[in-house]
PDB file of all heavy atoms in Angstrom:
ATOM      1  N   SER A   1     -15.578   4.435 -28.099  1.00  0.00           N
ATOM      2  CA  SER A   1     -16.248   5.643 -27.616  1.00  0.00           C
ATOM      3  C   SER A   1     -17.170   6.206 -28.698  1.00  0.00           C
ATOM      4  O   SER A   1     -17.073   5.851 -29.880  1.00  0.00           O
ATOM      5  CB  SER A   1     -15.213   6.695 -27.220  1.00  0.00           C
ATOM      6  OG  SER A   1     -14.607   7.241 -28.379  1.00  0.00           O
ATOM      7  N   LEU A   2     -18.041   7.119 -28.283  1.00  0.00           N
ATOM      8  CA  LEU A   2     -18.967   7.756 -29.222  1.00  0.00           C
ATOM      9  C   LEU A   2     -18.197   8.568 -30.256  1.00  0.00           C
ATOM     10  O   LEU A   2     -18.552   8.564 -31.443  1.00  0.00           O
ATOM     11  CB  LEU A   2     -19.952   8.645 -28.455  1.00  0.00           C
ATOM     12  CG  LEU A   2     -21.075   9.255 -29.276  1.00  0.00           C
ATOM     13  CD1 LEU A   2     -21.927   8.168 -29.929  1.00  0.00           C
ATOM     14  CD2 LEU A   2     -21.945  10.150 -28.410  1.00  0.00           C
ATOM     15  N   LEU A   3     -17.131   9.230 -29.839  1.00  0.00           N
ATOM     16  CA  LEU A   3     -16.317  10.008 -30.773  1.00  0.00           C
ATOM     17  C   LEU A   3     -15.665   9.092 -31.807  1.00  0.00           C
ATOM     18  O   LEU A   3     -15.660   9.396 -33.007  1.00  0.00           O
ATOM     19  CB  LEU A   3     -15.257  10.811 -30.016  1.00  0.00           C
ATOM     20  CG  LEU A   3     -14.314  11.650 -30.890  1.00  0.00           C
ATOM     21  CD1 LEU A   3     -15.087  12.681 -31.693  1.00  0.00           C
ATOM     22  CD2 LEU A   3     -13.250  12.313 -30.046  1.00  0.00           C
ATOM     23  N   GLU A   4     -15.108   7.983 -31.362  1.00  0.00           N
ATOM     24  CA  GLU A   4     -14.501   7.022 -32.294  1.00  0.00           C
ATOM     25  C   GLU A   4     -15.529   6.479 -33.266  1.00  0.00           C
ATOM     26  O   GLU A   4     -15.253   6.347 -34.466  1.00  0.00           O
ATOM     27  CB  GLU A   4     -13.864   5.864 -31.525  1.00  0.00           C
ATOM     28  CG  GLU A   4     -12.626   6.242 -30.738  1.00  0.00           C
ATOM     29  CD  GLU A   4     -12.161   5.117 -29.822  1.00  0.00           C
ATOM     30  OE1 GLU A   4     -13.007   4.370 -29.286  1.00  0.00           O
ATOM     31  OE2 GLU A   4     -10.935   5.005 -29.642  1.00  0.00           O
ATOM     32  N   LEU A   5     -16.711   6.197 -32.767  1.00  0.00           N
ATOM     33  CA  LEU A   5     -17.780   5.690 -33.617  1.00  0.00           C
ATOM     34  C   LEU A   5     -18.207   6.746 -34.633  1.00  0.00           C
ATOM     35  O   LEU A   5     -18.459   6.445 -35.804  1.00  0.00           O
ATOM     36  CB  LEU A   5     -18.972   5.241 -32.771  1.00  0.00           C
ATOM     37  CG  LEU A   5     -20.104   4.547 -33.508  1.00  0.00           C
ATOM     38  CD1 LEU A   5     -19.613   3.310 -34.258  1.00  0.00           C
ATOM     39  CD2 LEU A   5     -21.205   4.168 -32.525  1.00  0.00           C
ATOM     40  N   PHE A   6     -18.276   8.005 -34.204  1.00  0.00           N
ATOM     41  CA  PHE A   6     -18.641   9.093 -35.118  1.00  0.00           C
ATOM     42  C   PHE A   6     -17.605   9.243 -36.229  1.00  0.00           C
ATOM     43  O   PHE A   6     -17.957   9.372 -37.400  1.00  0.00           O
ATOM     44  CB  PHE A   6     -18.796  10.416 -34.349  1.00  0.00           C
ATOM     45  CG  PHE A   6     -19.117  11.581 -35.250  1.00  0.00           C
ATOM     46  CD1 PHE A   6     -20.381  11.707 -35.806  1.00  0.00           C
ATOM     47  CD2 PHE A   6     -18.162  12.532 -35.539  1.00  0.00           C
ATOM     48  CE1 PHE A   6     -20.684  12.779 -36.645  1.00  0.00           C
ATOM     49  CE2 PHE A   6     -18.445  13.599 -36.368  1.00  0.00           C
ATOM     50  CZ  PHE A   6     -19.711  13.723 -36.924  1.00  0.00           C
ATOM     51  N   VAL A   7     -16.340   9.223 -35.862  1.00  0.00           N
ATOM     52  CA  VAL A   7     -15.269   9.332 -36.866  1.00  0.00           C
ATOM     53  C   VAL A   7     -15.352   8.162 -37.851  1.00  0.00           C
ATOM     54  O   VAL A   7     -15.231   8.347 -39.069  1.00  0.00           O
ATOM     55  CB  VAL A   7     -13.878   9.403 -36.191  1.00  0.00           C
ATOM     56  CG1 VAL A   7     -12.762   9.274 -37.203  1.00  0.00           C
ATOM     57  CG2 VAL A   7     -13.743  10.697 -35.399  1.00  0.00           C
ATOM     58  N   LEU A   8     -15.588   6.973 -37.341  1.00  0.00           N
ATOM     59  CA  LEU A   8     -15.742   5.798 -38.197  1.00  0.00           C
ATOM     60  C   LEU A   8     -16.947   5.957 -39.121  1.00  0.00           C
ATOM     61  O   LEU A   8     -16.865   5.687 -40.320  1.00  0.00           O
ATOM     62  CB  LEU A   8     -15.899   4.543 -37.334  1.00  0.00           C
ATOM     63  CG  LEU A   8     -16.179   3.243 -38.081  1.00  0.00           C
ATOM     64  CD1 LEU A   8     -14.982   2.842 -38.940  1.00  0.00           C
ATOM     65  CD2 LEU A   8     -16.515   2.134 -37.100  1.00  0.00           C
ATOM     66  N   ALA A   9     -18.077   6.420 -38.574  1.00  0.00           N
ATOM     67  CA  ALA A   9     -19.291   6.598 -39.372  1.00  0.00           C
ATOM     68  C   ALA A   9     -19.080   7.630 -40.478  1.00  0.00           C
ATOM     69  O   ALA A   9     -19.516   7.427 -41.617  1.00  0.00           O
ATOM     70  CB  ALA A   9     -20.451   7.014 -38.467  1.00  0.00           C
ATOM     71  N   VAL A  10     -18.407   8.718 -40.165  1.00  0.00           N
ATOM     72  CA  VAL A  10     -18.119   9.741 -41.179  1.00  0.00           C
ATOM     73  C   VAL A  10     -17.217   9.157 -42.261  1.00  0.00           C
ATOM     74  O   VAL A  10     -17.459   9.342 -43.457  1.00  0.00           O
ATOM     75  CB  VAL A  10     -17.491  10.999 -40.534  1.00  0.00           C
ATOM     76  CG1 VAL A  10     -16.955  11.945 -41.605  1.00  0.00           C
ATOM     77  CG2 VAL A  10     -18.515  11.714 -39.660  1.00  0.00           C
ATOM     78  N   GLY A  11     -16.194   8.438 -41.855  1.00  0.00           N
ATOM     79  CA  GLY A  11     -15.302   7.815 -42.838  1.00  0.00           C
ATOM     80  C   GLY A  11     -16.036   6.847 -43.753  1.00  0.00           C
ATOM     81  O   GLY A  11     -15.843   6.858 -44.973  1.00  0.00           O
ATOM     82  N   LEU A  12     -16.901   6.022 -43.177  1.00  0.00           N
ATOM     83  CA  LEU A  12     -17.654   5.063 -43.980  1.00  0.00           C
ATOM     84  C   LEU A  12     -18.649   5.759 -44.905  1.00  0.00           C
ATOM     85  O   LEU A  12     -18.940   5.264 -45.998  1.00  0.00           O
ATOM     86  CB  LEU A  12     -18.412   4.084 -43.075  1.00  0.00           C
ATOM     87  CG  LEU A  12     -17.576   3.036 -42.352  1.00  0.00           C
ATOM     88  CD1 LEU A  12     -18.444   2.246 -41.378  1.00  0.00           C
ATOM     89  CD2 LEU A  12     -16.905   2.091 -43.344  1.00  0.00           C
ATOM     90  N   SER A  13     -19.160   6.906 -44.495  1.00  0.00           N
ATOM     91  CA  SER A  13     -20.191   7.584 -45.288  1.00  0.00           C
ATOM     92  C   SER A  13     -19.622   8.421 -46.433  1.00  0.00           C
ATOM     93  O   SER A  13     -20.379   8.884 -47.282  1.00  0.00           O
ATOM     94  CB  SER A  13     -21.051   8.463 -44.382  1.00  0.00           C
ATOM     95  OG  SER A  13     -20.311   9.550 -43.889  1.00  0.00           O
ATOM     96  N   MET A  14     -18.310   8.593 -46.499  1.00  0.00           N
ATOM     97  CA  MET A  14     -17.736   9.453 -47.531  1.00  0.00           C
ATOM     98  C   MET A  14     -17.958   8.920 -48.953  1.00  0.00           C
ATOM     99  O   MET A  14     -18.221   9.691 -49.869  1.00  0.00           O
ATOM    100  CB  MET A  14     -16.248   9.693 -47.282  1.00  0.00           C
ATOM    101  CG  MET A  14     -15.977  10.667 -46.152  1.00  0.00           C
ATOM    102  SD  MET A  14     -16.620  12.328 -46.446  1.00  0.00           S
ATOM    103  CE  MET A  14     -18.071  12.338 -45.408  1.00  0.00           C
ATOM    104  N   ASP A  15     -17.852   7.604 -49.145  1.00  0.00           N
ATOM    105  CA  ASP A  15     -18.136   7.043 -50.471  1.00  0.00           C
ATOM    106  C   ASP A  15     -19.592   7.291 -50.852  1.00  0.00           C
ATOM    107  O   ASP A  15     -19.894   7.678 -51.979  1.00  0.00           O
ATOM    108  CB  ASP A  15     -17.862   5.531 -50.505  1.00  0.00           C
ATOM    109  CG  ASP A  15     -16.379   5.204 -50.535  1.00  0.00           C
ATOM    110  OD1 ASP A  15     -15.568   6.126 -50.722  1.00  0.00           O
ATOM    111  OD2 ASP A  15     -16.043   4.020 -50.364  1.00  0.00           O
ATOM    112  N   ALA A  16     -20.498   7.077 -49.896  1.00  0.00           N
ATOM    113  CA  ALA A  16     -21.916   7.308 -50.163  1.00  0.00           C
ATOM    114  C   ALA A  16     -22.178   8.785 -50.440  1.00  0.00           C
ATOM    115  O   ALA A  16     -22.981   9.124 -51.311  1.00  0.00           O
ATOM    116  CB  ALA A  16     -22.754   6.832 -48.971  1.00  0.00           C
ATOM    117  N   PHE A  17     -21.493   9.672 -49.728  1.00  0.00           N
ATOM    118  CA  PHE A  17     -21.635  11.106 -49.968  1.00  0.00           C
ATOM    119  C   PHE A  17     -21.199  11.453 -51.387  1.00  0.00           C
ATOM    120  O   PHE A  17     -21.900  12.163 -52.115  1.00  0.00           O
ATOM    121  CB  PHE A  17     -20.813  11.895 -48.944  1.00  0.00           C
ATOM    122  CG  PHE A  17     -20.799  13.381 -49.189  1.00  0.00           C
ATOM    123  CD1 PHE A  17     -21.912  14.153 -48.896  1.00  0.00           C
ATOM    124  CD2 PHE A  17     -19.665  13.990 -49.710  1.00  0.00           C
ATOM    125  CE1 PHE A  17     -21.900  15.528 -49.119  1.00  0.00           C
ATOM    126  CE2 PHE A  17     -19.651  15.358 -49.941  1.00  0.00           C
ATOM    127  CZ  PHE A  17     -20.764  16.131 -49.642  1.00  0.00           C
ATOM    128  N   ALA A  18     -20.037  10.947 -51.798  1.00  0.00           N
ATOM    129  CA  ALA A  18     -19.526  11.239 -53.137  1.00  0.00           C
ATOM    130  C   ALA A  18     -20.469  10.719 -54.218  1.00  0.00           C
ATOM    131  O   ALA A  18     -20.750  11.413 -55.207  1.00  0.00           O
ATOM    132  CB  ALA A  18     -18.130  10.628 -53.310  1.00  0.00           C
ATOM    133  N   VAL A  19     -20.986   9.512 -54.040  1.00  0.00           N
ATOM    134  CA  VAL A  19     -21.910   8.943 -55.016  1.00  0.00           C
ATOM    135  C   VAL A  19     -23.223   9.723 -55.010  1.00  0.00           C
ATOM    136  O   VAL A  19     -23.825   9.953 -56.067  1.00  0.00           O
ATOM    137  CB  VAL A  19     -22.147   7.442 -54.753  1.00  0.00           C
ATOM    138  CG1 VAL A  19     -23.236   6.887 -55.655  1.00  0.00           C
ATOM    139  CG2 VAL A  19     -20.845   6.663 -54.966  1.00  0.00           C
ATOM    140  N   SER A  20     -23.666  10.173 -53.843  1.00  0.00           N
ATOM    141  CA  SER A  20     -24.885  10.976 -53.755  1.00  0.00           C
ATOM    142  C   SER A  20     -24.728  12.300 -54.492  1.00  0.00           C
ATOM    143  O   SER A  20     -25.651  12.752 -55.174  1.00  0.00           O
ATOM    144  CB  SER A  20     -25.254  11.243 -52.293  1.00  0.00           C
ATOM    145  OG  SER A  20     -25.576  10.044 -51.644  1.00  0.00           O
ATOM    146  N   VAL A  21     -23.558  12.913 -54.370  1.00  0.00           N
ATOM    147  CA  VAL A  21     -23.288  14.132 -55.132  1.00  0.00           C
ATOM    148  C   VAL A  21     -23.396  13.831 -56.630  1.00  0.00           C
ATOM    149  O   VAL A  21     -24.023  14.580 -57.383  1.00  0.00           O
ATOM    150  CB  VAL A  21     -21.895  14.721 -54.782  1.00  0.00           C
ATOM    151  CG1 VAL A  21     -21.506  15.832 -55.748  1.00  0.00           C
ATOM    152  CG2 VAL A  21     -21.877  15.231 -53.345  1.00  0.00           C
ATOM    153  N   CYS A  22     -22.841  12.709 -57.050  1.00  0.00           N
ATOM    154  CA  CYS A  22     -22.910  12.310 -58.459  1.00  0.00           C
ATOM    155  C   CYS A  22     -24.350  12.083 -58.900  1.00  0.00           C
ATOM    156  O   CYS A  22     -24.737  12.459 -60.012  1.00  0.00           O
ATOM    157  CB  CYS A  22     -22.094  11.044 -58.708  1.00  0.00           C
ATOM    158  SG  CYS A  22     -20.326  11.269 -58.487  1.00  0.00           S
ATOM    159  N   LYS A  23     -25.154  11.454 -58.046  1.00  0.00           N
ATOM    160  CA  LYS A  23     -26.570  11.243 -58.375  1.00  0.00           C
ATOM    161  C   LYS A  23     -27.277  12.585 -58.533  1.00  0.00           C
ATOM    162  O   LYS A  23     -28.070  12.778 -59.444  1.00  0.00           O
ATOM    163  CB  LYS A  23     -27.278  10.411 -57.296  1.00  0.00           C
ATOM    164  CG  LYS A  23     -26.805   8.980 -57.176  1.00  0.00           C
ATOM    165  CD  LYS A  23     -26.952   8.198 -58.449  1.00  0.00           C
ATOM    166  CE  LYS A  23     -28.377   7.748 -58.688  1.00  0.00           C
ATOM    167  NZ  LYS A  23     -28.479   6.938 -59.924  1.00  0.00           N
ATOM    168  N   GLY A  24     -26.998  13.511 -57.638  1.00  0.00           N
ATOM    169  CA  GLY A  24     -27.601  14.835 -57.723  1.00  0.00           C
ATOM    170  C   GLY A  24     -27.169  15.589 -58.960  1.00  0.00           C
ATOM    171  O   GLY A  24     -27.946  16.330 -59.557  1.00  0.00           O
ATOM    172  N   LEU A  25     -25.909  15.385 -59.369  1.00  0.00           N
ATOM    173  CA  LEU A  25     -25.397  16.032 -60.580  1.00  0.00           C
ATOM    174  C   LEU A  25     -26.131  15.551 -61.831  1.00  0.00           C
ATOM    175  O   LEU A  25     -26.336  16.311 -62.764  1.00  0.00           O
ATOM    176  CB  LEU A  25     -23.903  15.714 -60.755  1.00  0.00           C
ATOM    177  CG  LEU A  25     -22.909  16.385 -59.837  1.00  0.00           C
ATOM    178  CD1 LEU A  25     -21.524  15.775 -60.018  1.00  0.00           C
ATOM    179  CD2 LEU A  25     -22.864  17.873 -60.074  1.00  0.00           C
ATOM    180  N   GLY A  26     -26.511  14.289 -61.827  1.00  0.00           N
ATOM    181  CA  GLY A  26     -27.006  13.667 -63.052  1.00  0.00           C
ATOM    182  C   GLY A  26     -28.482  13.826 -63.338  1.00  0.00           C
ATOM    183  O   GLY A  26     -28.941  13.400 -64.388  1.00  0.00           O
ATOM    184  N   VAL A  27     -29.247  14.421 -62.423  1.00  0.00           N
ATOM    185  CA  VAL A  27     -30.689  14.535 -62.649  1.00  0.00           C
ATOM    186  C   VAL A  27     -31.086  15.987 -62.825  1.00  0.00           C
ATOM    187  O   VAL A  27     -30.392  16.898 -62.373  1.00  0.00           O
ATOM    188  CB  VAL A  27     -31.507  13.909 -61.492  1.00  0.00           C
ATOM    189  CG1 VAL A  27     -31.270  12.418 -61.419  1.00  0.00           C
ATOM    190  CG2 VAL A  27     -31.229  14.574 -60.176  1.00  0.00           C
ATOM    191  N   GLY A  28     -32.220  16.179 -63.495  1.00  0.00           N
ATOM    192  CA  GLY A  28     -32.719  17.536 -63.713  1.00  0.00           C
ATOM    193  C   GLY A  28     -33.099  18.221 -62.414  1.00  0.00           C
ATOM    194  O   GLY A  28     -32.673  19.326 -62.132  1.00  0.00           O
ATOM    195  N   ARG A  29     -33.914  17.555 -61.623  1.00  0.00           N
ATOM    196  CA  ARG A  29     -34.328  18.098 -60.334  1.00  0.00           C
ATOM    197  C   ARG A  29     -34.372  16.973 -59.310  1.00  0.00           C
ATOM    198  O   ARG A  29     -34.893  15.911 -59.583  1.00  0.00           O
ATOM    199  CB  ARG A  29     -35.708  18.729 -60.435  1.00  0.00           C
ATOM    200  CG  ARG A  29     -35.763  19.957 -61.291  1.00  0.00           C
ATOM    201  CD  ARG A  29     -37.095  20.677 -61.105  1.00  0.00           C
ATOM    202  NE  ARG A  29     -37.217  21.769 -62.053  1.00  0.00           N
ATOM    203  CZ  ARG A  29     -36.724  22.976 -61.859  1.00  0.00           C
ATOM    204  NH1 ARG A  29     -36.071  23.252 -60.761  1.00  0.00           N
ATOM    205  NH2 ARG A  29     -36.868  23.923 -62.760  1.00  0.00           N
ATOM    206  N   ALA A  30     -33.844  17.262 -58.133  1.00  0.00           N
ATOM    207  CA  ALA A  30     -33.896  16.292 -57.040  1.00  0.00           C
ATOM    208  C   ALA A  30     -34.546  16.970 -55.850  1.00  0.00           C
ATOM    209  O   ALA A  30     -33.990  17.900 -55.288  1.00  0.00           O
ATOM    210  CB  ALA A  30     -32.504  15.791 -56.684  1.00  0.00           C
ATOM    211  N   GLY A  31     -35.734  16.498 -55.500  1.00  0.00           N
ATOM    212  CA  GLY A  31     -36.449  17.050 -54.354  1.00  0.00           C
ATOM    213  C   GLY A  31     -36.207  16.215 -53.114  1.00  0.00           C
ATOM    214  O   GLY A  31     -35.307  15.373 -53.059  1.00  0.00           O
ATOM    215  N   ALA A  32     -37.063  16.439 -52.127  1.00  0.00           N
ATOM    216  CA  ALA A  32     -36.941  15.722 -50.860  1.00  0.00           C
ATOM    217  C   ALA A  32     -37.081  14.216 -51.060  1.00  0.00           C
ATOM    218  O   ALA A  32     -36.386  13.432 -50.405  1.00  0.00           O
ATOM    219  CB  ALA A  32     -37.991  16.227 -49.878  1.00  0.00           C
ATOM    220  N   ARG A  33     -37.951  13.798 -51.984  1.00  0.00           N
ATOM    221  CA  ARG A  33     -38.165  12.364 -52.235  1.00  0.00           C
ATOM    222  C   ARG A  33     -36.872  11.695 -52.704  1.00  0.00           C
ATOM    223  O   ARG A  33     -36.472  10.651 -52.185  1.00  0.00           O
ATOM    224  CB  ARG A  33     -39.270  12.182 -53.275  1.00  0.00           C
ATOM    225  CG  ARG A  33     -39.559  10.748 -53.613  1.00  0.00           C
ATOM    226  CD  ARG A  33     -40.674  10.653 -54.679  1.00  0.00           C
ATOM    227  NE  ARG A  33     -40.942   9.285 -55.017  1.00  0.00           N
ATOM    228  CZ  ARG A  33     -40.261   8.586 -55.914  1.00  0.00           C
ATOM    229  NH1 ARG A  33     -39.265   9.136 -56.567  1.00  0.00           N
ATOM    230  NH2 ARG A  33     -40.564   7.325 -56.154  1.00  0.00           N
ATOM    231  N   GLU A  34     -36.204  12.293 -53.685  1.00  0.00           N
ATOM    232  CA  GLU A  34     -34.965  11.713 -54.224  1.00  0.00           C
ATOM    233  C   GLU A  34     -33.851  11.730 -53.182  1.00  0.00           C
ATOM    234  O   GLU A  34     -33.080  10.767 -53.068  1.00  0.00           O
ATOM    235  CB  GLU A  34     -34.530  12.467 -55.491  1.00  0.00           C
ATOM    236  CG  GLU A  34     -35.417  12.239 -56.690  1.00  0.00           C
ATOM    237  CD  GLU A  34     -36.744  13.020 -56.654  1.00  0.00           C
ATOM    238  OE1 GLU A  34     -36.825  14.031 -55.923  1.00  0.00           O
ATOM    239  OE2 GLU A  34     -37.673  12.599 -57.362  1.00  0.00           O
TER     240      GLU A  34
END
């Protein structure tokens, strides 16, 4: 179902979210491009 797929997509994206937060932490400024 779409709900199951959404839950799966959110679960899979959590590692990328955490790493993205780390990338944002490590730079002076991150705009729309970054």
